[in-house]
Amino acid sequence: MRREDSGTPAARPHVLASDDLLRGGKIVEIRHNGEVYRLQATRLGKLILTK
């Protein structure tokens, strides 16, 4: 088990399916620290995150 510097076990990342984020669309905007990012699915099934 990997541990962080604090001596506590590392938390597992929360996993979301891209389909759940995109909800049938190709683009979703994500607000983070006062900035808006755009997550886009390509025709080839890749994901692109831009600011």
N, C-alpha and C. Protein backbone atom coordinates (compact mmCIF):
# COMPACT_ATOMS: atom_id res chain seq x y z
N MET A 1 0.84 -1.17 0.00
CA MET A 1 0.00 0.00 0.00
C MET A 1 0.89 1.24 0.00
N ARG A 2 0.64 2.16 -0.94
CA ARG A 2 1.42 3.39 -1.03
C ARG A 2 0.96 4.38 0.03
N ARG A 3 1.87 5.06 0.64
CA ARG A 3 1.53 6.05 1.67
C ARG A 3 2.02 7.42 1.25
N GLU A 4 1.26 8.44 1.62
CA GLU A 4 1.64 9.83 1.37
C GLU A 4 2.60 10.27 2.46
N ASP A 5 3.15 11.45 2.34
CA ASP A 5 4.10 11.98 3.32
C ASP A 5 3.50 12.09 4.72
N SER A 6 2.18 12.26 4.82
CA SER A 6 1.53 12.42 6.12
C SER A 6 1.47 11.12 6.91
N GLY A 7 1.80 9.99 6.27
CA GLY A 7 1.75 8.71 6.95
C GLY A 7 0.40 8.03 6.84
N THR A 8 -0.55 8.65 6.13
CA THR A 8 -1.87 8.04 5.96
C THR A 8 -1.92 7.34 4.61
N PRO A 9 -2.75 6.31 4.48
CA PRO A 9 -2.86 5.62 3.20
C PRO A 9 -3.32 6.57 2.09
N ALA A 10 -2.80 6.37 0.88
CA ALA A 10 -3.20 7.20 -0.26
C ALA A 10 -4.64 6.90 -0.62
N ALA A 11 -5.40 7.95 -0.89
CA ALA A 11 -6.80 7.78 -1.28
C ALA A 11 -6.88 7.32 -2.73
N ARG A 12 -7.80 6.43 -3.01
CA ARG A 12 -8.01 6.00 -4.39
C ARG A 12 -8.71 7.12 -5.14
N PRO A 13 -8.34 7.35 -6.40
CA PRO A 13 -9.02 8.40 -7.16
C PRO A 13 -10.45 8.00 -7.47
N HIS A 14 -11.33 8.98 -7.54
CA HIS A 14 -12.72 8.77 -7.92
C HIS A 14 -12.74 8.57 -9.43
N VAL A 15 -13.35 7.50 -9.91
CA VAL A 15 -13.36 7.19 -11.34
C VAL A 15 -14.75 7.47 -11.91
N LEU A 16 -14.78 8.27 -12.98
CA LEU A 16 -16.02 8.58 -13.69
C LEU A 16 -15.88 8.12 -15.13
N ALA A 17 -16.94 7.57 -15.68
CA ALA A 17 -16.95 7.21 -17.10
C ALA A 17 -17.11 8.47 -17.93
N SER A 18 -16.39 8.57 -19.04
CA SER A 18 -16.51 9.76 -19.89
C SER A 18 -17.95 9.93 -20.38
N ASP A 19 -18.65 8.83 -20.60
CA ASP A 19 -20.06 8.91 -21.02
C ASP A 19 -20.91 9.64 -19.97
N ASP A 20 -20.60 9.43 -18.70
CA ASP A 20 -21.33 10.11 -17.64
C ASP A 20 -21.04 11.61 -17.64
N LEU A 21 -19.83 11.99 -17.96
CA LEU A 21 -19.47 13.40 -18.03
C LEU A 21 -20.07 14.08 -19.26
N LEU A 22 -19.98 13.42 -20.40
CA LEU A 22 -20.42 14.02 -21.65
C LEU A 22 -21.93 13.92 -21.87
N ARG A 23 -22.58 12.97 -21.21
CA ARG A 23 -24.04 12.79 -21.28
C ARG A 23 -24.57 12.78 -22.71
N GLY A 24 -23.92 12.01 -23.56
CA GLY A 24 -24.38 11.86 -24.94
C GLY A 24 -23.88 12.93 -25.89
N GLY A 25 -23.24 13.97 -25.37
CA GLY A 25 -22.70 15.03 -26.22
C GLY A 25 -21.23 14.78 -26.52
N LYS A 26 -20.61 15.76 -27.12
CA LYS A 26 -19.18 15.65 -27.45
C LYS A 26 -18.32 16.61 -26.63
N ILE A 27 -18.97 17.62 -25.99
CA ILE A 27 -18.22 18.65 -25.27
C ILE A 27 -18.88 18.92 -23.92
N VAL A 28 -18.05 19.08 -22.90
CA VAL A 28 -18.54 19.51 -21.59
C VAL A 28 -17.55 20.56 -21.07
N GLU A 29 -18.09 21.58 -20.41
CA GLU A 29 -17.24 22.60 -19.81
C GLU A 29 -17.12 22.33 -18.32
N ILE A 30 -15.90 22.48 -17.81
CA ILE A 30 -15.61 22.19 -16.40
C ILE A 30 -15.04 23.46 -15.77
N ARG A 31 -15.66 23.91 -14.70
CA ARG A 31 -15.17 25.08 -13.98
C ARG A 31 -14.23 24.60 -12.88
N HIS A 32 -13.01 25.15 -12.85
CA HIS A 32 -12.00 24.75 -11.86
C HIS A 32 -11.20 25.98 -11.46
N ASN A 33 -11.20 26.28 -10.18
CA ASN A 33 -10.45 27.43 -9.65
C ASN A 33 -10.75 28.72 -10.41
N GLY A 34 -12.01 28.95 -10.72
CA GLY A 34 -12.40 30.19 -11.39
C GLY A 34 -12.16 30.21 -12.89
N GLU A 35 -11.63 29.15 -13.45
CA GLU A 35 -11.37 29.05 -14.89
C GLU A 35 -12.31 28.01 -15.49
N VAL A 36 -12.61 28.19 -16.78
CA VAL A 36 -13.47 27.22 -17.47
C VAL A 36 -12.61 26.43 -18.45
N TYR A 37 -12.67 25.13 -18.34
CA TYR A 37 -11.96 24.21 -19.23
C TYR A 37 -12.99 23.48 -20.09
N ARG A 38 -12.56 23.04 -21.24
CA ARG A 38 -13.45 22.35 -22.17
C ARG A 38 -12.91 20.94 -22.40
N LEU A 39 -13.73 19.94 -22.12
CA LEU A 39 -13.38 18.54 -22.38
C LEU A 39 -14.15 18.11 -23.62
N GLN A 40 -13.40 17.66 -24.62
CA GLN A 40 -14.02 17.33 -25.90
C GLN A 40 -13.63 15.93 -26.34
N ALA A 41 -14.61 15.17 -26.80
CA ALA A 41 -14.36 13.84 -27.36
C ALA A 41 -14.17 13.98 -28.87
N THR A 42 -13.12 13.36 -29.40
CA THR A 42 -12.85 13.43 -30.83
C THR A 42 -13.57 12.30 -31.56
N ARG A 43 -13.55 12.36 -32.88
CA ARG A 43 -14.16 11.30 -33.69
C ARG A 43 -13.47 9.97 -33.49
N LEU A 44 -12.19 10.01 -33.12
CA LEU A 44 -11.42 8.78 -32.92
C LEU A 44 -11.53 8.25 -31.49
N GLY A 45 -12.36 8.90 -30.66
CA GLY A 45 -12.56 8.41 -29.31
C GLY A 45 -11.54 8.90 -28.29
N LYS A 46 -10.74 9.88 -28.67
CA LYS A 46 -9.78 10.48 -27.73
C LYS A 46 -10.45 11.62 -26.99
N LEU A 47 -9.83 12.05 -25.88
CA LEU A 47 -10.33 13.18 -25.14
C LEU A 47 -9.30 14.31 -25.18
N ILE A 48 -9.78 15.54 -25.35
CA ILE A 48 -8.93 16.71 -25.36
C ILE A 48 -9.44 17.67 -24.29
N LEU A 49 -8.55 18.12 -23.42
CA LEU A 49 -8.90 19.11 -22.39
C LEU A 49 -8.17 20.40 -22.72
N THR A 50 -8.92 21.48 -22.91
CA THR A 50 -8.33 22.78 -23.23
C THR A 50 -8.86 23.83 -22.28
N LYS A 51 -8.08 24.89 -22.14
CA LYS A 51 -8.45 26.01 -21.28
C LYS A 51 -9.07 27.09 -22.11
